[in-house]
Amino acid sequence: MSPRLPNCAVERAIANRFTELADNGWFPEDLPADNAQLLQLRKVVVPGPGKTILDAGCARGRFAKQLVSSGARLYGVDLTERFLQAARRNVPSANFVRGSISALPFPAEMFDAVYCLEVLEHLPDTDLALSELSRVLKPGGTLLVIDKSLRGLSAWSGLPGFVAKPWLEWRGKWMYSPDFVFREVWFWPGKLARQLRKYCRSVRFEYLTDGRGKASHIYRLIPFLSMDVAWIGHK
């Protein structure tokens, strides 16, 4: 059977859209030390000397920048060249390359850990991306994916994701216009965990309960209503 190939035309369109939005303030170069995703990343990946770590969908390198002091060897990959130029200035000690997460430009079993934070939602073939993220992991390596839950309550509207997302898309209040070639993907936590189990020997997911907005105070009381979920796989 021939290997599946990424949909290059769709991925180019998505990358071009990110280029258009690159300077709108959504993609900073720095993170506060108490950022919930960063805290989860440090806990799960445990960066340190001797570890080789990949930031899959690195943008301007804001997460990689926070791991530099650990002594780990850091790599980043992104399809948007404008982001990569900024990342190289922002984190000069890391190695950033242009490429698709659906066809990673790295050999198999290269990394001790891979993280993909709010990026999987922008990929047209979720399963192909998961297979690639797993392929470049060493046996025993750790994969961390953080993304949006369809079950979670939107922190700003209070509506569940499976309602809020299509409603905002229909109104044109989304990063992709209604006539765009791609629709951003959010996930049912259990379903994505089952997909990931095809490539990892063990998988679990956790709800990130820190946040802001109308619904955020509910997350600590009822964690499964959180919008942000961390999927953790071990190869």
C-alpha atoms as a PDB file:
ATOM      1  CA  MET A   1       0.000   0.000   0.000  1.00  0.00           C
ATOM      2  CA  SER A   2       1.370   3.419  -0.945  1.00  0.00           C
ATOM      3  CA  PRO A   3       1.899   5.836   1.946  1.00  0.00           C
ATOM      4  CA  ARG A   4      -0.672   8.597   2.354  1.00  0.00           C
ATOM      5  CA  LEU A   5       0.520  12.003   1.210  1.00  0.00           C
ATOM      6  CA  PRO A   6      -0.446  15.392   2.656  1.00  0.00           C
ATOM      7  CA  ASN A   7      -2.904  17.611   0.826  1.00  0.00           C
ATOM      8  CA  CYS A   8      -0.297  20.137  -0.238  1.00  0.00           C
ATOM      9  CA  ALA A   9      -2.729  22.577  -1.860  1.00  0.00           C
ATOM     10  CA  VAL A  10      -4.833  22.872   1.304  1.00  0.00           C
ATOM     11  CA  GLU A  11      -1.782  23.122   3.544  1.00  0.00           C
ATOM     12  CA  ARG A  12      -0.349  25.921   1.367  1.00  0.00           C
ATOM     13  CA  ALA A  13      -3.644  27.801   1.615  1.00  0.00           C
ATOM     14  CA  ILE A  14      -3.585  27.448   5.409  1.00  0.00           C
ATOM     15  CA  ALA A  15       0.040  28.608   5.578  1.00  0.00           C
ATOM     16  CA  ASN A  16      -0.803  31.616   3.416  1.00  0.00           C
ATOM     17  CA  ARG A  17      -3.665  32.477   5.753  1.00  0.00           C
ATOM     18  CA  PHE A  18      -1.275  32.386   8.720  1.00  0.00           C
ATOM     19  CA  THR A  19       1.055  34.705   6.813  1.00  0.00           C
ATOM     20  CA  GLU A  20      -1.818  37.162   6.338  1.00  0.00           C
ATOM     21  CA  LEU A  21      -2.568  37.094  10.069  1.00  0.00           C
ATOM     22  CA  ALA A  22       1.031  36.912  11.309  1.00  0.00           C
ATOM     23  CA  ASP A  23       1.119  40.421  12.743  1.00  0.00           C
ATOM     24  CA  ASN A  24      -2.374  40.670  14.229  1.00  0.00           C
ATOM     25  CA  GLY A  25      -1.173  39.913  17.770  1.00  0.00           C
ATOM     26  CA  TRP A  26      -2.315  36.277  17.960  1.00  0.00           C
ATOM     27  CA  PHE A  27       1.206  34.860  17.668  1.00  0.00           C
ATOM     28  CA  PRO A  28       3.526  36.412  20.298  1.00  0.00           C
ATOM     29  CA  GLU A  29       7.207  35.653  20.807  1.00  0.00           C
ATOM     30  CA  ASP A  30       6.959  35.258  24.585  1.00  0.00           C
ATOM     31  CA  LEU A  31       4.819  33.562  27.217  1.00  0.00           C
ATOM     32  CA  PRO A  32       4.142  34.329  30.878  1.00  0.00           C
ATOM     33  CA  ALA A  33       5.739  31.809  33.224  1.00  0.00           C
ATOM     34  CA  ASP A  34       2.314  30.752  34.554  1.00  0.00           C
ATOM     35  CA  ASN A  35       0.816  29.992  31.138  1.00  0.00           C
ATOM     36  CA  ALA A  36      -1.294  26.831  31.557  1.00  0.00           C
ATOM     37  CA  GLN A  37      -0.049  25.188  28.371  1.00  0.00           C
ATOM     38  CA  LEU A  38       3.566  25.918  29.273  1.00  0.00           C
ATOM     39  CA  LEU A  39       3.108  24.424  32.740  1.00  0.00           C
ATOM     40  CA  GLN A  40       1.602  21.289  31.185  1.00  0.00           C
ATOM     41  CA  LEU A  41       4.463  21.119  28.689  1.00  0.00           C
ATOM     42  CA  ARG A  42       7.104  21.283  31.410  1.00  0.00           C
ATOM     43  CA  LYS A  43       5.291  18.652  33.483  1.00  0.00           C
ATOM     44  CA  VAL A  44       4.805  16.163  30.659  1.00  0.00           C
ATOM     45  CA  VAL A  45       7.942  16.603  28.557  1.00  0.00           C
ATOM     46  CA  VAL A  46      10.348  17.261  31.481  1.00  0.00           C
ATOM     47  CA  PRO A  47      13.014  18.966  29.329  1.00  0.00           C
ATOM     48  CA  GLY A  48      16.621  18.543  30.349  1.00  0.00           C
ATOM     49  CA  PRO A  49      20.213  18.005  29.133  1.00  0.00           C
ATOM     50  CA  GLY A  50      20.551  15.146  26.686  1.00  0.00           C
ATOM     51  CA  LYS A  51      16.932  15.323  25.517  1.00  0.00           C
ATOM     52  CA  THR A  52      16.041  16.114  21.903  1.00  0.00           C
ATOM     53  CA  ILE A  53      12.654  17.830  21.625  1.00  0.00           C
ATOM     54  CA  LEU A  54      10.511  18.890  18.653  1.00  0.00           C
ATOM     55  CA  ASP A  55       8.098  21.826  18.657  1.00  0.00           C
ATOM     56  CA  ALA A  56       5.674  20.784  15.900  1.00  0.00           C
ATOM     57  CA  GLY A  57       4.036  23.972  14.625  1.00  0.00           C
ATOM     58  CA  CYS A  58       6.463  26.291  16.381  1.00  0.00           C
ATOM     59  CA  ALA A  59       5.231  29.668  15.053  1.00  0.00           C
ATOM     60  CA  ARG A  60       7.584  32.305  16.530  1.00  0.00           C
ATOM     61  CA  GLY A  61       9.151  29.839  18.969  1.00  0.00           C
ATOM     62  CA  ARG A  62       7.493  31.088  22.157  1.00  0.00           C
ATOM     63  CA  PHE A  63       7.362  27.633  23.781  1.00  0.00           C
ATOM     64  CA  ALA A  64      10.841  26.611  22.630  1.00  0.00           C
ATOM     65  CA  LYS A  65      12.168  29.850  24.106  1.00  0.00           C
ATOM     66  CA  GLN A  66      10.922  28.790  27.550  1.00  0.00           C
ATOM     67  CA  LEU A  67      12.761  25.449  27.326  1.00  0.00           C
ATOM     68  CA  VAL A  68      16.194  26.751  26.292  1.00  0.00           C
ATOM     69  CA  SER A  69      17.490  27.007  29.854  1.00  0.00           C
ATOM     70  CA  SER A  70      16.820  23.280  30.405  1.00  0.00           C
ATOM     71  CA  GLY A  71      19.789  22.326  28.222  1.00  0.00           C
ATOM     72  CA  ALA A  72      17.661  20.221  25.855  1.00  0.00           C
ATOM     73  CA  ARG A  73      18.380  20.201  22.109  1.00  0.00           C
ATOM     74  CA  LEU A  74      15.400  22.025  20.600  1.00  0.00           C
ATOM     75  CA  TYR A  75      13.978  21.754  17.098  1.00  0.00           C
ATOM     76  CA  GLY A  76      10.992  23.477  15.562  1.00  0.00           C
ATOM     77  CA  VAL A  77       9.043  22.979  12.353  1.00  0.00           C
ATOM     78  CA  ASP A  78       6.442  25.199  10.712  1.00  0.00           C
ATOM     79  CA  LEU A  79       5.043  25.720   7.240  1.00  0.00           C
ATOM     80  CA  THR A  80       4.888  29.518   7.488  1.00  0.00           C
ATOM     81  CA  GLU A  81       8.236  31.035   6.560  1.00  0.00           C
ATOM     82  CA  ARG A  82       7.439  34.356   8.214  1.00  0.00           C
ATOM     83  CA  PHE A  83       7.066  32.594  11.549  1.00  0.00           C
ATOM     84  CA  LEU A  84      10.321  30.706  11.071  1.00  0.00           C
ATOM     85  CA  GLN A  85      12.254  33.897  10.405  1.00  0.00           C
ATOM     86  CA  ALA A  86      10.940  35.314  13.680  1.00  0.00           C
ATOM     87  CA  ALA A  87      11.618  32.056  15.553  1.00  0.00           C
ATOM     88  CA  ARG A  88      15.269  32.009  14.462  1.00  0.00           C
ATOM     89  CA  ARG A  89      15.728  35.511  15.836  1.00  0.00           C
ATOM     90  CA  ASN A  90      13.733  34.728  18.973  1.00  0.00           C
ATOM     91  CA  VAL A  91      15.493  31.446  19.851  1.00  0.00           C
ATOM     92  CA  PRO A  92      18.865  31.446  18.067  1.00  0.00           C
ATOM     93  CA  SER A  93      20.097  28.309  19.841  1.00  0.00           C
ATOM     94  CA  ALA A  94      17.236  26.153  18.497  1.00  0.00           C
ATOM     95  CA  ASN A  95      17.037  24.540  15.067  1.00  0.00           C
ATOM     96  CA  PHE A  96      14.043  25.655  12.997  1.00  0.00           C
ATOM     97  CA  VAL A  97      13.123  24.165   9.624  1.00  0.00           C
ATOM     98  CA  ARG A  98      10.277  24.649   7.167  1.00  0.00           C
ATOM     99  CA  GLY A  99       8.058  21.654   6.657  1.00  0.00           C
ATOM    100  CA  SER A 100       4.669  20.040   7.005  1.00  0.00           C
ATOM    101  CA  ILE A 101       3.652  18.168  10.142  1.00  0.00           C
ATOM    102  CA  SER A 102       1.918  15.750   7.773  1.00  0.00           C
ATOM    103  CA  ALA A 103       5.323  14.913   6.213  1.00  0.00           C
ATOM    104  CA  LEU A 104       7.934  15.832   8.820  1.00  0.00           C
ATOM    105  CA  PRO A 105      11.434  16.503   7.447  1.00  0.00           C
ATOM    106  CA  PHE A 106      13.131  14.348  10.099  1.00  0.00           C
ATOM    107  CA  PRO A 107      14.210  10.713  10.268  1.00  0.00           C
ATOM    108  CA  ALA A 108      12.271   8.161  12.250  1.00  0.00           C
ATOM    109  CA  GLU A 109      12.876   7.868  16.008  1.00  0.00           C
ATOM    110  CA  MET A 110      14.861  11.111  16.284  1.00  0.00           C
ATOM    111  CA  PHE A 111      13.163  12.801  19.260  1.00  0.00           C
ATOM    112  CA  ASP A 112      12.751  11.997  22.932  1.00  0.00           C
ATOM    113  CA  ALA A 113       9.647  14.187  23.043  1.00  0.00           C
ATOM    114  CA  VAL A 114       7.382  15.978  20.586  1.00  0.00           C
ATOM    115  CA  TYR A 115       4.782  18.605  21.406  1.00  0.00           C
ATOM    116  CA  CYS A 116       2.063  20.031  19.165  1.00  0.00           C
ATOM    117  CA  LEU A 117       0.178  22.859  20.856  1.00  0.00           C
ATOM    118  CA  GLU A 118      -2.991  24.246  19.229  1.00  0.00           C
ATOM    119  CA  VAL A 119      -1.722  23.140  15.835  1.00  0.00           C
ATOM    120  CA  LEU A 120      -3.458  19.831  15.100  1.00  0.00           C
ATOM    121  CA  GLU A 121      -6.716  21.762  14.655  1.00  0.00           C
ATOM    122  CA  HIS A 122      -5.199  23.457  11.582  1.00  0.00           C
ATOM    123  CA  LEU A 123      -4.200  20.254   9.774  1.00  0.00           C
ATOM    124  CA  PRO A 124      -6.447  18.728   7.102  1.00  0.00           C
ATOM    125  CA  ASP A 125      -5.567  15.082   7.915  1.00  0.00           C
ATOM    126  CA  THR A 126      -5.508  14.476  11.677  1.00  0.00           C
ATOM    127  CA  ASP A 127      -4.594  10.803  11.434  1.00  0.00           C
ATOM    128  CA  LEU A 128      -1.712  11.420   9.034  1.00  0.00           C
ATOM    129  CA  ALA A 129      -0.335  14.110  11.352  1.00  0.00           C
ATOM    130  CA  LEU A 130      -0.544  11.809  14.385  1.00  0.00           C
ATOM    131  CA  SER A 131       1.262   9.068  12.510  1.00  0.00           C
ATOM    132  CA  GLU A 132       4.072  11.479  11.579  1.00  0.00           C
ATOM    133  CA  LEU A 133       4.386  12.891  15.104  1.00  0.00           C
ATOM    134  CA  SER A 134       4.710   9.324  16.379  1.00  0.00           C
ATOM    135  CA  ARG A 135       7.098   8.251  13.609  1.00  0.00           C
ATOM    136  CA  VAL A 136       9.780  10.741  14.643  1.00  0.00           C
ATOM    137  CA  LEU A 137       9.513   9.738  18.331  1.00  0.00           C
ATOM    138  CA  LYS A 138      12.008   7.343  19.846  1.00  0.00           C
ATOM    139  CA  PRO A 139      10.590   4.189  21.454  1.00  0.00           C
ATOM    140  CA  GLY A 140       9.527   5.226  24.930  1.00  0.00           C
ATOM    141  CA  GLY A 141       9.265   8.866  23.828  1.00  0.00           C
ATOM    142  CA  THR A 142       6.478  11.239  24.826  1.00  0.00           C
ATOM    143  CA  LEU A 143       3.994  13.036  22.582  1.00  0.00           C
ATOM    144  CA  LEU A 144       1.987  15.969  23.947  1.00  0.00           C
ATOM    145  CA  VAL A 145      -0.925  17.415  21.977  1.00  0.00           C
ATOM    146  CA  ILE A 146      -2.937  20.325  23.370  1.00  0.00           C
ATOM    147  CA  ASP A 147      -6.021  21.424  21.475  1.00  0.00           C
ATOM    148  CA  LYS A 148      -9.688  22.378  21.649  1.00  0.00           C
ATOM    149  CA  SER A 149     -12.516  20.192  22.904  1.00  0.00           C
ATOM    150  CA  LEU A 150     -15.874  20.113  21.137  1.00  0.00           C
ATOM    151  CA  ARG A 151     -17.461  19.272  24.485  1.00  0.00           C
ATOM    152  CA  GLY A 152     -15.922  22.192  26.354  1.00  0.00           C
ATOM    153  CA  LEU A 153     -17.652  25.477  27.083  1.00  0.00           C
ATOM    154  CA  SER A 154     -16.301  28.486  25.243  1.00  0.00           C
ATOM    155  CA  ALA A 155     -14.640  30.779  27.783  1.00  0.00           C
ATOM    156  CA  TRP A 156     -16.108  33.830  26.039  1.00  0.00           C
ATOM    157  CA  SER A 157     -19.632  32.832  25.009  1.00  0.00           C
ATOM    158  CA  GLY A 158     -20.346  30.058  27.511  1.00  0.00           C
ATOM    159  CA  LEU A 159     -21.615  27.863  24.670  1.00  0.00           C
ATOM    160  CA  PRO A 160     -20.298  24.332  24.097  1.00  0.00           C
ATOM    161  CA  GLY A 161     -17.663  24.101  21.402  1.00  0.00           C
ATOM    162  CA  PHE A 162     -19.795  22.013  19.045  1.00  0.00           C
ATOM    163  CA  VAL A 163     -22.288  24.916  19.008  1.00  0.00           C
ATOM    164  CA  ALA A 164     -19.969  27.936  19.328  1.00  0.00           C
ATOM    165  CA  LYS A 165     -17.564  26.948  16.582  1.00  0.00           C
ATOM    166  CA  PRO A 166     -20.026  26.472  13.665  1.00  0.00           C
ATOM    167  CA  TRP A 167     -22.028  29.490  14.798  1.00  0.00           C
ATOM    168  CA  LEU A 168     -18.988  31.763  14.688  1.00  0.00           C
ATOM    169  CA  GLU A 169     -17.825  30.236  11.404  1.00  0.00           C
ATOM    170  CA  TRP A 170     -21.266  30.883   9.883  1.00  0.00           C
ATOM    171  CA  ARG A 171     -21.099  34.499  11.028  1.00  0.00           C
ATOM    172  CA  GLY A 172     -17.641  34.897   9.469  1.00  0.00           C
ATOM    173  CA  LYS A 173     -16.014  35.614  12.846  1.00  0.00           C
ATOM    174  CA  TRP A 174     -13.231  33.073  12.488  1.00  0.00           C
ATOM    175  CA  MET A 175      -9.689  33.049  11.173  1.00  0.00           C
ATOM    176  CA  TYR A 176     -10.970  31.185   8.117  1.00  0.00           C
ATOM    177  CA  SER A 177     -13.690  32.783   6.009  1.00  0.00           C
ATOM    178  CA  PRO A 178     -16.900  30.828   5.264  1.00  0.00           C
ATOM    179  CA  ASP A 179     -15.720  30.127   1.706  1.00  0.00           C
ATOM    180  CA  PHE A 180     -12.207  29.019   2.732  1.00  0.00           C
ATOM    181  CA  VAL A 181     -10.995  25.621   1.512  1.00  0.00           C
ATOM    182  CA  PHE A 182     -10.583  24.312   5.071  1.00  0.00           C
ATOM    183  CA  ARG A 183     -12.547  24.224   8.324  1.00  0.00           C
ATOM    184  CA  GLU A 184     -10.592  24.264  11.577  1.00  0.00           C
ATOM    185  CA  VAL A 185     -11.006  20.983  13.464  1.00  0.00           C
ATOM    186  CA  TRP A 186     -11.861  20.649  17.158  1.00  0.00           C
ATOM    187  CA  PHE A 187     -11.944  17.290  18.889  1.00  0.00           C
ATOM    188  CA  TRP A 188     -13.999  14.991  21.072  1.00  0.00           C
ATOM    189  CA  PRO A 189     -11.424  14.037  23.747  1.00  0.00           C
ATOM    190  CA  GLY A 190     -12.108  10.299  23.742  1.00  0.00           C
ATOM    191  CA  LYS A 191     -12.208  10.042  19.964  1.00  0.00           C
ATOM    192  CA  LEU A 192      -8.822  11.707  19.502  1.00  0.00           C
ATOM    193  CA  ALA A 193      -7.367   9.498  22.258  1.00  0.00           C
ATOM    194  CA  ARG A 194      -8.532   6.412  20.320  1.00  0.00           C
ATOM    195  CA  GLN A 195      -6.872   7.728  17.166  1.00  0.00           C
ATOM    196  CA  LEU A 196      -3.642   8.300  19.046  1.00  0.00           C
ATOM    197  CA  ARG A 197      -3.689   4.779  20.487  1.00  0.00           C
ATOM    198  CA  LYS A 198      -2.982   3.456  16.996  1.00  0.00           C
ATOM    199  CA  TYR A 199       0.492   4.961  17.288  1.00  0.00           C
ATOM    200  CA  CYS A 200       1.294   5.021  21.016  1.00  0.00           C
ATOM    201  CA  ARG A 201       1.358   2.138  23.492  1.00  0.00           C
ATOM    202  CA  SER A 202      -0.357   4.239  26.156  1.00  0.00           C
ATOM    203  CA  VAL A 203      -2.526   7.355  25.927  1.00  0.00           C
ATOM    204  CA  ARG A 204      -4.333   9.517  28.429  1.00  0.00           C
ATOM    205  CA  PHE A 205      -5.881  12.960  28.350  1.00  0.00           C
ATOM    206  CA  GLU A 206      -6.202  15.730  30.908  1.00  0.00           C
ATOM    207  CA  TYR A 207      -8.316  18.879  31.014  1.00  0.00           C
ATOM    208  CA  LEU A 208      -6.557  22.222  31.447  1.00  0.00           C
ATOM    209  CA  THR A 209      -8.650  24.136  33.953  1.00  0.00           C
ATOM    210  CA  ASP A 210      -6.916  27.525  33.978  1.00  0.00           C
ATOM    211  CA  GLY A 211      -8.240  30.273  31.737  1.00  0.00           C
ATOM    212  CA  ARG A 212     -10.162  33.500  31.380  1.00  0.00           C
ATOM    213  CA  GLY A 213     -13.629  34.469  30.256  1.00  0.00           C
ATOM    214  CA  LYS A 214     -17.247  33.827  31.169  1.00  0.00           C
ATOM    215  CA  ALA A 215     -16.995  30.067  31.545  1.00  0.00           C
ATOM    216  CA  SER A 216     -13.480  29.682  32.932  1.00  0.00           C
ATOM    217  CA  HIS A 217     -14.573  29.582  36.586  1.00  0.00           C
ATOM    218  CA  ILE A 218     -16.644  26.494  35.738  1.00  0.00           C
ATOM    219  CA  TYR A 219     -13.596  24.562  34.528  1.00  0.00           C
ATOM    220  CA  ARG A 220     -12.210  23.965  38.008  1.00  0.00           C
ATOM    221  CA  LEU A 221     -15.591  22.755  39.233  1.00  0.00           C
ATOM    222  CA  ILE A 222     -16.353  20.571  36.192  1.00  0.00           C
ATOM    223  CA  PRO A 223     -13.021  19.890  34.434  1.00  0.00           C
ATOM    224  CA  PHE A 224     -14.489  18.072  31.423  1.00  0.00           C
ATOM    225  CA  LEU A 225     -16.155  21.327  30.367  1.00  0.00           C
ATOM    226  CA  SER A 226     -12.753  22.938  29.789  1.00  0.00           C
ATOM    227  CA  MET A 227     -12.021  24.027  26.227  1.00  0.00           C
ATOM    228  CA  ASP A 228      -8.371  22.962  26.364  1.00  0.00           C
ATOM    229  CA  VAL A 229      -7.380  19.306  26.552  1.00  0.00           C
ATOM    230  CA  ALA A 230      -3.915  17.737  26.756  1.00  0.00           C
ATOM    231  CA  TRP A 231      -3.490  14.339  25.110  1.00  0.00           C
ATOM    232  CA  ILE A 232      -0.375  12.508  26.299  1.00  0.00           C
ATOM    233  CA  GLY A 233       0.986   9.504  24.430  1.00  0.00           C
ATOM    234  CA  HIS A 234       3.972   7.258  25.125  1.00  0.00           C
ATOM    235  CA  LYS A 235       5.394   5.329  22.213  1.00  0.00           C
END
